[in-house]
PDB file of N, CA and C in Angstrom:
ATOM      1  N   MET A   1      17.520  -4.861  12.829  1.00  0.00           N
ATOM      2  CA  MET A   1      16.527  -5.654  12.353  1.00  0.00           C
ATOM      3  C   MET A   1      16.206  -4.930  11.218  1.00  0.00           C
ATOM      4  N   ARG A   2      16.535  -5.578   9.988  1.00  0.00           N
ATOM      5  CA  ARG A   2      16.234  -5.080   8.329  1.00  0.00           C
ATOM      6  C   ARG A   2      14.842  -5.427   8.072  1.00  0.00           C
ATOM      7  N   ARG A   3      14.128  -4.214   7.664  1.00  0.00           N
ATOM      8  CA  ARG A   3      12.554  -4.437   7.356  1.00  0.00           C
ATOM      9  C   ARG A   3      12.526  -4.913   6.041  1.00  0.00           C
ATOM     10  N   ASP A   4      11.534  -5.021   5.410  1.00  0.00           N
ATOM     11  CA  ASP A   4      11.475  -5.095   3.827  1.00  0.00           C
ATOM     12  C   ASP A   4       9.850  -4.482   3.330  1.00  0.00           C
ATOM     13  N   VAL A   5       9.870  -4.299   2.161  1.00  0.00           N
ATOM     14  CA  VAL A   5       8.433  -3.615   1.797  1.00  0.00           C
ATOM     15  C   VAL A   5       7.156  -4.629   2.130  1.00  0.00           C
ATOM     16  N   PHE A   6       7.247  -5.606   2.356  1.00  0.00           N
ATOM     17  CA  PHE A   6       5.952  -6.746   2.614  1.00  0.00           C
ATOM     18  C   PHE A   6       5.779  -6.306   4.183  1.00  0.00           C
ATOM     19  N   GLN A   7       6.822  -5.964   5.167  1.00  0.00           N
ATOM     20  CA  GLN A   7       6.481  -5.511   6.452  1.00  0.00           C
ATOM     21  C   GLN A   7       5.661  -3.872   6.524  1.00  0.00           C
ATOM     22  N   ALA A   8       6.297  -3.572   5.497  1.00  0.00           N
ATOM     23  CA  ALA A   8       5.655  -1.778   4.973  1.00  0.00           C
ATOM     24  C   ALA A   8       4.268  -2.000   5.046  1.00  0.00           C
ATOM     25  N   ILE A   9       3.950  -2.668   3.745  1.00  0.00           N
ATOM     26  CA  ILE A   9       2.433  -2.808   3.453  1.00  0.00           C
ATOM     27  C   ILE A   9       1.650  -3.638   4.131  1.00  0.00           C
ATOM     28  N   ALA A  10       2.101  -4.506   5.195  1.00  0.00           N
ATOM     29  CA  ALA A  10       1.294  -5.263   6.081  1.00  0.00           C
ATOM     30  C   ALA A  10       0.281  -4.514   7.017  1.00  0.00           C
ATOM     31  N   ASP A  11       0.429  -3.565   7.194  1.00  0.00           N
ATOM     32  CA  ASP A  11      -0.340  -2.777   8.064  1.00  0.00           C
ATOM     33  C   ASP A  11      -1.186  -1.759   7.392  1.00  0.00           C
ATOM     34  N   PRO A  12      -2.550  -1.552   7.672  1.00  0.00           N
ATOM     35  CA  PRO A  12      -3.445  -0.894   7.101  1.00  0.00           C
ATOM     36  C   PRO A  12      -3.190   0.690   7.018  1.00  0.00           C
ATOM     37  N   ILE A  13      -2.784   1.031   8.268  1.00  0.00           N
ATOM     38  CA  ILE A  13      -2.261   2.593   8.497  1.00  0.00           C
ATOM     39  C   ILE A  13      -1.031   2.503   7.442  1.00  0.00           C
ATOM     40  N   ARG A  14      -0.161   1.706   7.628  1.00  0.00           N
ATOM     41  CA  ARG A  14       0.802   2.031   6.526  1.00  0.00           C
ATOM     42  C   ARG A  14       0.331   2.574   5.227  1.00  0.00           C
ATOM     43  N   ARG A  15      -0.416   1.584   4.709  1.00  0.00           N
ATOM     44  CA  ARG A  15      -1.104   1.434   3.309  1.00  0.00           C
ATOM     45  C   ARG A  15      -1.618   2.741   2.910  1.00  0.00           C
ATOM     46  N   ASP A  16      -2.103   3.295   4.018  1.00  0.00           N
ATOM     47  CA  ASP A  16      -3.244   4.684   4.062  1.00  0.00           C
ATOM     48  C   ASP A  16      -2.135   5.743   4.151  1.00  0.00           C
ATOM     49  N   ILE A  17      -1.152   5.608   4.909  1.00  0.00           N
ATOM     50  CA  ILE A  17       0.179   6.578   4.572  1.00  0.00           C
ATOM     51  C   ILE A  17       0.772   6.547   3.272  1.00  0.00           C
ATOM     52  N   ILE A  18       0.892   5.499   2.629  1.00  0.00           N
ATOM     53  CA  ILE A  18       1.882   5.407   1.097  1.00  0.00           C
ATOM     54  C   ILE A  18       0.561   6.018   0.438  1.00  0.00           C
ATOM     55  N   GLU A  19      -0.568   5.688   0.447  1.00  0.00           N
ATOM     56  CA  GLU A  19      -1.275   6.421  -0.664  1.00  0.00           C
ATOM     57  C   GLU A  19      -1.595   7.902  -0.202  1.00  0.00           C
ATOM     58  N   LEU A  20      -1.598   8.361   0.982  1.00  0.00           N
ATOM     59  CA  LEU A  20      -1.294   9.960   1.177  1.00  0.00           C
ATOM     60  C   LEU A  20      -0.474  10.536   0.519  1.00  0.00           C
ATOM     61  N   VAL A  21       0.933  10.035   0.747  1.00  0.00           N
ATOM     62  CA  VAL A  21       2.065  10.466   0.521  1.00  0.00           C
ATOM     63  C   VAL A  21       2.422  10.298  -1.142  1.00  0.00           C
ATOM     64  N   SER A  22       1.585   9.178  -1.709  1.00  0.00           N
ATOM     65  CA  SER A  22       1.963   8.856  -3.359  1.00  0.00           C
ATOM     66  C   SER A  22       1.510  10.171  -4.282  1.00  0.00           C
ATOM     67  N   THR A  23       1.257  10.934  -3.966  1.00  0.00           N
ATOM     68  CA  THR A  23       0.600  12.169  -4.795  1.00  0.00           C
ATOM     69  C   THR A  23       1.242  13.402  -4.246  1.00  0.00           C
ATOM     70  N   GLU A  24       1.590  13.582  -3.099  1.00  0.00           N
ATOM     71  CA  GLU A  24       2.403  14.642  -2.875  1.00  0.00           C
ATOM     72  C   GLU A  24       3.349  14.559  -1.553  1.00  0.00           C
ATOM     73  N   SER A  25       4.189  15.554  -1.379  1.00  0.00           N
ATOM     74  CA  SER A  25       5.144  15.394  -0.255  1.00  0.00           C
ATOM     75  C   SER A  25       4.250  16.228   0.765  1.00  0.00           C
ATOM     76  N   LEU A  26       4.050  15.315   2.194  1.00  0.00           N
ATOM     77  CA  LEU A  26       3.356  15.983   3.342  1.00  0.00           C
ATOM     78  C   LEU A  26       4.563  15.691   4.517  1.00  0.00           C
ATOM     79  N   SER A  27       3.784  17.166   4.995  1.00  0.00           N
ATOM     80  CA  SER A  27       4.980  16.984   6.154  1.00  0.00           C
ATOM     81  C   SER A  27       4.210  15.960   7.423  1.00  0.00           C
ATOM     82  N   VAL A  28       5.440  15.628   8.249  1.00  0.00           N
ATOM     83  CA  VAL A  28       4.825  14.723   9.205  1.00  0.00           C
ATOM     84  C   VAL A  28       3.760  15.145  10.233  1.00  0.00           C
ATOM     85  N   ASN A  29       3.153  16.406  10.166  1.00  0.00           N
ATOM     86  CA  ASN A  29       2.321  16.852  10.908  1.00  0.00           C
ATOM     87  C   ASN A  29       0.766  16.650   9.828  1.00  0.00           C
ATOM     88  N   GLU A  30       1.132  16.999   8.935  1.00  0.00           N
ATOM     89  CA  GLU A  30       0.060  16.839   7.803  1.00  0.00           C
ATOM     90  C   GLU A  30      -0.414  15.201   7.584  1.00  0.00           C
ATOM     91  N   VAL A  31       0.500  14.178   7.694  1.00  0.00           N
ATOM     92  CA  VAL A  31       0.181  13.013   7.768  1.00  0.00           C
ATOM     93  C   VAL A  31      -0.551  12.824   9.035  1.00  0.00           C
ATOM     94  N   ALA A  32       0.012  13.256  10.442  1.00  0.00           N
ATOM     95  CA  ALA A  32      -0.683  12.581  11.541  1.00  0.00           C
ATOM     96  C   ALA A  32      -1.995  13.478  11.766  1.00  0.00           C
ATOM     97  N   GLU A  33      -2.077  14.328  11.186  1.00  0.00           N
ATOM     98  CA  GLU A  33      -3.843  15.218  10.887  1.00  0.00           C
ATOM     99  C   GLU A  33      -4.845  14.386  10.447  1.00  0.00           C
ATOM    100  N   LYS A  34      -4.095  13.322   9.576  1.00  0.00           N
ATOM    101  CA  LYS A  34      -5.216  12.663   8.609  1.00  0.00           C
ATOM    102  C   LYS A  34      -5.619  11.581   9.365  1.00  0.00           C
ATOM    103  N   PHE A  35      -5.433  10.978  10.647  1.00  0.00           N
ATOM    104  CA  PHE A  35      -5.372   9.908  11.348  1.00  0.00           C
ATOM    105  C   PHE A  35      -6.019  10.128  12.773  1.00  0.00           C
ATOM    106  N   GLU A  36      -6.942   8.981  13.377  1.00  0.00           N
ATOM    107  CA  GLU A  36      -7.111   9.386  14.761  1.00  0.00           C
ATOM    108  C   GLU A  36      -6.391   8.524  15.538  1.00  0.00           C
ATOM    109  N   ILE A  37      -5.377   8.286  15.482  1.00  0.00           N
ATOM    110  CA  ILE A  37      -4.339   7.625  16.565  1.00  0.00           C
ATOM    111  C   ILE A  37      -3.425   8.685  16.840  1.00  0.00           C
ATOM    112  N   SER A  38      -2.693   8.315  17.771  1.00  0.00           N
ATOM    113  CA  SER A  38      -1.697   9.245  18.471  1.00  0.00           C
ATOM    114  C   SER A  38      -0.489   9.672  17.480  1.00  0.00           C
ATOM    115  N   ARG A  39       0.072  11.012  17.836  1.00  0.00           N
ATOM    116  CA  ARG A  39       1.434  11.225  16.979  1.00  0.00           C
ATOM    117  C   ARG A  39       2.359  10.337  17.164  1.00  0.00           C
ATOM    118  N   PRO A  40       2.791   9.698  18.579  1.00  0.00           N
ATOM    119  CA  PRO A  40       3.916   8.878  18.519  1.00  0.00           C
ATOM    120  C   PRO A  40       3.483   7.304  17.739  1.00  0.00           C
ATOM    121  N   ALA A  41       1.973   7.034  17.602  1.00  0.00           N
ATOM    122  CA  ALA A  41       1.820   5.823  16.716  1.00  0.00           C
ATOM    123  C   ALA A  41       2.280   6.174  15.343  1.00  0.00           C
ATOM    124  N   ILE A  42       1.839   7.610  14.785  1.00  0.00           N
ATOM    125  CA  ILE A  42       1.988   7.913  13.674  1.00  0.00           C
ATOM    126  C   ILE A  42       3.668   8.065  13.209  1.00  0.00           C
ATOM    127  N   SER A  43       4.455   8.455  14.175  1.00  0.00           N
ATOM    128  CA  SER A  43       5.790   8.544  14.056  1.00  0.00           C
ATOM    129  C   SER A  43       6.460   7.131  14.015  1.00  0.00           C
ATOM    130  N   LYS A  44       5.904   6.339  14.597  1.00  0.00           N
ATOM    131  CA  LYS A  44       6.306   4.486  14.704  1.00  0.00           C
ATOM    132  C   LYS A  44       6.068   4.239  13.110  1.00  0.00           C
ATOM    133  N   HIS A  45       4.772   4.411  12.591  1.00  0.00           N
ATOM    134  CA  HIS A  45       4.578   4.002  11.277  1.00  0.00           C
ATOM    135  C   HIS A  45       5.315   4.516  10.038  1.00  0.00           C
ATOM    136  N   LEU A  46       5.466   5.644  10.625  1.00  0.00           N
ATOM    137  CA  LEU A  46       6.766   6.383   9.184  1.00  0.00           C
ATOM    138  C   LEU A  46       8.026   5.749   9.618  1.00  0.00           C
ATOM    139  N   LYS A  47       8.390   5.917  10.419  1.00  0.00           N
ATOM    140  CA  LYS A  47       9.842   5.122  11.042  1.00  0.00           C
ATOM    141  C   LYS A  47      10.140   3.690  10.078  1.00  0.00           C
ATOM    142  N   ILE A  48       8.741   2.678  10.281  1.00  0.00           N
ATOM    143  CA  ILE A  48       8.821   1.687   9.716  1.00  0.00           C
ATOM    144  C   ILE A  48       9.155   1.555   8.295  1.00  0.00           C
ATOM    145  N   LEU A  49       7.932   2.624   7.632  1.00  0.00           N
ATOM    146  CA  LEU A  49       8.014   3.052   6.116  1.00  0.00           C
ATOM    147  C   LEU A  49       9.317   3.518   5.677  1.00  0.00           C
ATOM    148  N   ASN A  50      10.323   4.463   6.572  1.00  0.00           N
ATOM    149  CA  ASN A  50      11.641   5.143   5.895  1.00  0.00           C
ATOM    150  C   ASN A  50      12.395   3.778   6.292  1.00  0.00           C
ATOM    151  N   GLU A  51      12.349   2.899   7.117  1.00  0.00           N
ATOM    152  CA  GLU A  51      13.594   1.939   7.097  1.00  0.00           C
ATOM    153  C   GLU A  51      13.184   1.024   6.271  1.00  0.00           C
ATOM    154  N   CYS A  52      12.140   0.910   5.778  1.00  0.00           N
ATOM    155  CA  CYS A  52      11.602  -0.109   4.611  1.00  0.00           C
ATOM    156  C   CYS A  52      11.985   0.249   3.347  1.00  0.00           C
ATOM    157  N   GLY A  53      12.319   1.835   3.044  1.00  0.00           N
ATOM    158  CA  GLY A  53      12.748   2.648   1.999  1.00  0.00           C
ATOM    159  C   GLY A  53      11.468   2.801   1.226  1.00  0.00           C
ATOM    160  N   ILE A  54      10.392   2.517   1.627  1.00  0.00           N
ATOM    161  CA  ILE A  54       9.574   3.306   1.007  1.00  0.00           C
ATOM    162  C   ILE A  54       9.061   4.871   0.891  1.00  0.00           C
ATOM    163  N   ILE A  55       9.165   5.514   2.138  1.00  0.00           N
ATOM    164  CA  ILE A  55       9.285   6.803   1.999  1.00  0.00           C
ATOM    165  C   ILE A  55      10.908   7.156   2.344  1.00  0.00           C
ATOM    166  N   GLU A  56      10.928   8.915   2.312  1.00  0.00           N
ATOM    167  CA  GLU A  56      12.338   9.181   2.518  1.00  0.00           C
ATOM    168  C   GLU A  56      11.544  10.609   3.534  1.00  0.00           C
ATOM    169  N   ILE A  57      12.253  10.835   4.616  1.00  0.00           N
ATOM    170  CA  ILE A  57      12.122  11.614   5.268  1.00  0.00           C
ATOM    171  C   ILE A  57      13.050  12.961   5.307  1.00  0.00           C
ATOM    172  N   HIS A  58      12.538  14.143   4.588  1.00  0.00           N
ATOM    173  CA  HIS A  58      13.373  15.178   4.283  1.00  0.00           C
ATOM    174  C   HIS A  58      13.463  16.630   5.585  1.00  0.00           C
ATOM    175  N   LYS A  59      14.013  16.936   5.949  1.00  0.00           N
ATOM    176  CA  LYS A  59      14.169  18.128   7.109  1.00  0.00           C
ATOM    177  C   LYS A  59      14.148  19.539   5.969  1.00  0.00           C
ATOM    178  N   LYS A  60      13.213  20.299   6.119  1.00  0.00           N
ATOM    179  CA  LYS A  60      12.826  21.607   5.681  1.00  0.00           C
ATOM    180  C   LYS A  60      12.659  22.569   6.608  1.00  0.00           C
ATOM    181  N   GLY A  61      13.542  23.491   7.235  1.00  0.00           N
ATOM    182  CA  GLY A  61      13.444  24.302   8.355  1.00  0.00           C
ATOM    183  C   GLY A  61      13.455  23.297   9.474  1.00  0.00           C
ATOM    184  N   ARG A  62      12.286  23.757  10.267  1.00  0.00           N
ATOM    185  CA  ARG A  62      11.992  22.795  11.406  1.00  0.00           C
ATOM    186  C   ARG A  62      10.995  21.586  11.030  1.00  0.00           C
ATOM    187  N   GLU A  63      10.523  21.670   9.592  1.00  0.00           N
ATOM    188  CA  GLU A  63       9.370  20.337   9.563  1.00  0.00           C
ATOM    189  C   GLU A  63      10.148  19.373   8.768  1.00  0.00           C
ATOM    190  N   ARG A  64       9.752  18.022   8.854  1.00  0.00           N
ATOM    191  CA  ARG A  64       9.913  16.994   8.122  1.00  0.00           C
ATOM    192  C   ARG A  64       9.078  16.475   7.478  1.00  0.00           C
ATOM    193  N   PHE A  65       9.410  16.296   6.412  1.00  0.00           N
ATOM    194  CA  PHE A  65       8.722  16.127   4.966  1.00  0.00           C
ATOM    195  C   PHE A  65       8.489  14.868   4.270  1.00  0.00           C
ATOM    196  N   CYS A  66       7.483  13.913   4.552  1.00  0.00           N
ATOM    197  CA  CYS A  66       7.609  12.244   3.756  1.00  0.00           C
ATOM    198  C   CYS A  66       7.623  12.603   2.203  1.00  0.00           C
ATOM    199  N   LEU A  67       8.372  11.788   1.565  1.00  0.00           N
ATOM    200  CA  LEU A  67       8.344  12.056  -0.116  1.00  0.00           C
ATOM    201  C   LEU A  67       8.238  10.021  -0.536  1.00  0.00           C
ATOM    202  N   ILE A  68       7.624  10.087  -1.138  1.00  0.00           N
ATOM    203  CA  ILE A  68       7.528   8.603  -1.651  1.00  0.00           C
ATOM    204  C   ILE A  68       8.535   8.126  -2.267  1.00  0.00           C
ATOM    205  N   GLN A  69       9.004   6.577  -2.173  1.00  0.00           N
ATOM    206  CA  GLN A  69      10.106   6.294  -3.109  1.00  0.00           C
ATOM    207  C   GLN A  69       9.136   5.073  -3.960  1.00  0.00           C
ATOM    208  N   PRO A  70       8.426   5.149  -4.852  1.00  0.00           N
ATOM    209  CA  PRO A  70       7.723   4.290  -5.282  1.00  0.00           C
ATOM    210  C   PRO A  70       8.385   3.264  -6.018  1.00  0.00           C
ATOM    211  N   LYS A  71       9.915   3.300  -6.505  1.00  0.00           N
ATOM    212  CA  LYS A  71      10.332   2.033  -7.305  1.00  0.00           C
ATOM    213  C   LYS A  71      10.616   1.299  -5.846  1.00  0.00           C
ATOM    214  N   ASN A  72      10.785   1.326  -4.571  1.00  0.00           N
ATOM    215  CA  ASN A  72      10.573   0.668  -3.499  1.00  0.00           C
ATOM    216  C   ASN A  72       9.838  -0.390  -3.264  1.00  0.00           C
ATOM    217  N   LEU A  73       8.676  -0.258  -3.806  1.00  0.00           N
ATOM    218  CA  LEU A  73       7.175  -0.957  -3.763  1.00  0.00           C
ATOM    219  C   LEU A  73       7.503  -2.069  -4.761  1.00  0.00           C
ATOM    220  N   LEU A  74       8.424  -1.842  -5.861  1.00  0.00           N
ATOM    221  CA  LEU A  74       8.623  -2.570  -6.824  1.00  0.00           C
ATOM    222  C   LEU A  74       8.220  -4.244  -6.470  1.00  0.00           C
ATOM    223  N   PRO A  75       9.276  -4.576  -5.617  1.00  0.00           N
ATOM    224  CA  PRO A  75       9.324  -6.117  -5.086  1.00  0.00           C
ATOM    225  C   PRO A  75       7.928  -6.424  -4.726  1.00  0.00           C
ATOM    226  N   ALA A  76       6.860  -5.740  -4.069  1.00  0.00           N
ATOM    227  CA  ALA A  76       5.778  -6.068  -3.702  1.00  0.00           C
ATOM    228  C   ALA A  76       4.653  -6.405  -4.898  1.00  0.00           C
ATOM    229  N   PHE A  77       4.822  -5.309  -5.888  1.00  0.00           N
ATOM    230  CA  PHE A  77       4.028  -5.467  -6.851  1.00  0.00           C
ATOM    231  C   PHE A  77       4.229  -6.479  -7.704  1.00  0.00           C
ATOM    232  N   LEU A  78       5.626  -6.714  -7.732  1.00  0.00           N
ATOM    233  CA  LEU A  78       6.163  -7.940  -8.819  1.00  0.00           C
ATOM    234  C   LEU A  78       5.584  -9.344  -8.337  1.00  0.00           C
ATOM    235  N   TRP A  79       5.832  -9.538  -7.031  1.00  0.00           N
ATOM    236  CA  TRP A  79       5.264 -10.823  -6.051  1.00  0.00           C
ATOM    237  C   TRP A  79       3.890 -11.038  -6.118  1.00  0.00           C
ATOM    238  N   ILE A  80       2.864  -9.752  -6.251  1.00  0.00           N
ATOM    239  CA  ILE A  80       1.714  -9.846  -6.430  1.00  0.00           C
ATOM    240  C   ILE A  80       1.212  -9.903  -7.983  1.00  0.00           C
ATOM    241  N   GLU A  81       1.939  -9.503  -8.660  1.00  0.00           N
ATOM    242  CA  GLU A  81       1.402  -9.476 -10.220  1.00  0.00           C
ATOM    243  C   GLU A  81       1.624 -11.033 -10.753  1.00  0.00           C
ATOM    244  N   GLN A  82       2.540 -11.795 -10.122  1.00  0.00           N
ATOM    245  CA  GLN A  82       2.936 -13.068 -10.685  1.00  0.00           C
ATOM    246  C   GLN A  82       1.286 -13.895 -10.330  1.00  0.00           C
ATOM    247  N   TYR A  83       0.460 -13.646  -9.449  1.00  0.00           N
ATOM    248  CA  TYR A  83      -0.612 -14.231  -9.294  1.00  0.00           C
ATOM    249  C   TYR A  83      -1.778 -13.919  -9.986  1.00  0.00           C
ATOM    250  N   GLN A  84      -1.648 -12.694 -10.847  1.00  0.00           N
ATOM    251  CA  GLN A  84      -2.713 -11.986 -11.251  1.00  0.00           C
ATOM    252  C   GLN A  84      -3.382 -12.993 -12.431  1.00  0.00           C
ATOM    253  N   LYS A  85      -2.404 -13.422 -13.144  1.00  0.00           N
ATOM    254  CA  LYS A  85      -3.221 -14.414 -14.007  1.00  0.00           C
ATOM    255  C   LYS A  85      -3.704 -15.621 -13.644  1.00  0.00           C
ATOM    256  N   LEU A  86      -3.600 -15.999 -12.620  1.00  0.00           N
ATOM    257  CA  LEU A  86      -4.100 -17.330 -11.741  1.00  0.00           C
ATOM    258  C   LEU A  86      -5.332 -16.631 -11.287  1.00  0.00           C
ATOM    259  N   TRP A  87      -5.565 -15.654 -10.737  1.00  0.00           N
ATOM    260  CA  TRP A  87      -6.755 -15.093 -10.288  1.00  0.00           C
ATOM    261  C   TRP A  87      -7.585 -14.894 -11.446  1.00  0.00           C
ATOM    262  N   GLU A  88      -7.150 -14.297 -12.691  1.00  0.00           N
ATOM    263  CA  GLU A  88      -7.990 -13.804 -13.889  1.00  0.00           C
ATOM    264  C   GLU A  88      -8.965 -15.453 -14.494  1.00  0.00           C
ATOM    265  N   ASP A  89      -7.905 -16.460 -14.165  1.00  0.00           N
ATOM    266  CA  ASP A  89      -8.192 -17.567 -15.054  1.00  0.00           C
ATOM    267  C   ASP A  89      -9.444 -18.010 -14.134  1.00  0.00           C
ATOM    268  N   LYS A  90      -9.560 -17.934 -12.910  1.00  0.00           N
ATOM    269  CA  LYS A  90     -10.285 -18.342 -11.863  1.00  0.00           C
ATOM    270  C   LYS A  90     -11.576 -17.705 -12.152  1.00  0.00           C
ATOM    271  N   ILE A  91     -11.247 -16.503 -12.196  1.00  0.00           N
ATOM    272  CA  ILE A  91     -12.253 -15.669 -12.130  1.00  0.00           C
ATOM    273  C   ILE A  91     -13.236 -16.021 -13.349  1.00  0.00           C
ATOM    274  N   ASP A  92     -12.448 -15.990 -14.518  1.00  0.00           N
ATOM    275  CA  ASP A  92     -13.007 -16.049 -15.946  1.00  0.00           C
ATOM    276  C   ASP A  92     -13.640 -17.664 -15.947  1.00  0.00           C
ATOM    277  N   SER A  93     -13.215 -18.453 -15.374  1.00  0.00           N
ATOM    278  CA  SER A  93     -13.840 -19.961 -15.063  1.00  0.00           C
ATOM    279  C   SER A  93     -15.103 -19.953 -14.360  1.00  0.00           C
ATOM    280  N   PHE A  94     -15.149 -18.977 -13.219  1.00  0.00           N
ATOM    281  CA  PHE A  94     -16.068 -19.052 -12.337  1.00  0.00           C
ATOM    282  C   PHE A  94     -17.494 -18.192 -13.100  1.00  0.00           C
ATOM    283  N   GLU A  95     -17.038 -16.909 -13.991  1.00  0.00           N
ATOM    284  CA  GLU A  95     -18.223 -16.252 -14.835  1.00  0.00           C
ATOM    285  C   GLU A  95     -18.633 -17.264 -15.842  1.00  0.00           C
ATOM    286  N   ASN A  96     -17.718 -18.236 -16.167  1.00  0.00           N
ATOM    287  CA  ASN A  96     -18.548 -19.357 -17.593  1.00  0.00           C
ATOM    288  C   ASN A  96     -19.071 -20.243 -16.639  1.00  0.00           C
ATOM    289  N   TYR A  97     -19.184 -20.584 -15.583  1.00  0.00           N
ATOM    290  CA  TYR A  97     -20.371 -21.338 -14.880  1.00  0.00           C
ATOM    291  C   TYR A  97     -21.221 -20.782 -14.671  1.00  0.00           C
ATOM    292  N   LEU A  98     -21.099 -19.512 -13.850  1.00  0.00           N
ATOM    293  CA  LEU A  98     -22.378 -18.683 -13.893  1.00  0.00           C
ATOM    294  C   LEU A  98     -23.203 -18.404 -14.846  1.00  0.00           C
ATOM    295  N   MET A  99     -22.695 -18.370 -16.248  1.00  0.00           N
ATOM    296  CA  MET A  99     -23.397 -18.205 -17.577  1.00  0.00           C
ATOM    297  C   MET A  99     -24.102 -18.978 -17.664  1.00  0.00           C
ATOM    298  N   GLU A 100     -23.338 -20.469 -17.478  1.00  0.00           N
ATOM    299  CA  GLU A 100     -23.575 -22.008 -18.119  1.00  0.00           C
ATOM    300  C   GLU A 100     -24.864 -21.920 -16.902  1.00  0.00           C
ATOM    301  N   LEU A 101     -24.776 -21.513 -15.754  1.00  0.00           N
ATOM    302  CA  LEU A 101     -26.231 -21.882 -14.904  1.00  0.00           C
ATOM    303  C   LEU A 101     -27.515 -21.119 -15.432  1.00  0.00           C
ATOM    304  N   LYS A 102     -26.970 -19.977 -15.684  1.00  0.00           N
ATOM    305  CA  LYS A 102     -28.079 -18.990 -15.884  1.00  0.00           C
ATOM    306  C   LYS A 102     -28.790 -19.541 -17.392  1.00  0.00           C
ATOM    307  N   ASN A 103     -28.048 -19.960 -18.261  1.00  0.00           N
ATOM    308  CA  ASN A 103     -28.394 -20.608 -19.721  1.00  0.00           C
ATOM    309  C   ASN A 103     -29.315 -21.977 -19.290  1.00  0.00           C
ATOM    310  N   ARG A 104     -29.070 -22.672 -18.516  1.00  0.00           N
ATOM    311  CA  ARG A 104     -29.657 -23.669 -17.799  1.00  0.00           C
ATOM    312  C   ARG A 104     -30.945 -23.428 -17.390  1.00  0.00           C
ATOM    313  N   ASN A 105     -31.094 -22.430 -16.531  1.00  0.00           N
ATOM    314  CA  ASN A 105     -32.340 -22.163 -15.968  1.00  0.00           C
ATOM    315  C   ASN A 105     -33.253 -21.391 -16.584  1.00  0.00           C
ATOM    316  N   ASN A 106     -32.681 -20.717 -17.506  1.00  0.00           N
ATOM    317  CA  ASN A 106     -33.530 -19.855 -18.600  1.00  0.00           C
ATOM    318  C   ASN A 106     -34.024 -20.768 -19.801  1.00  0.00           C
ATOM    319  N   GLY A 107     -33.300 -21.571 -20.151  1.00  0.00           N
ATOM    320  CA  GLY A 107     -33.422 -22.453 -21.164  1.00  0.00           C
ATOM    321  C   GLY A 107     -34.648 -23.745 -21.032  1.00  0.00           C
TER     322      GLY A 107
END
């Protein structure tokens, strides 16, 4: 089964892992230490992130290190970005409505 970026970011733990490794390469053990779930569960999340191309796992000696592949998050970013204008317009409209109500009540 081929996984995609949307499956990778669908789980909050995987999003937390992405955030962790976005600033530095961490060993699998360092990633696991940040969570209160089992090591096998973390390994499963890392495997999914690896299959989706979001992280690469490199072996150095006996340790495995997780390295972010940010370009592979681009499809999710582009998909979300298309809705940014829509939501900005809705929020602006709501803000204008609130200001109008405030002015009516104060006037």
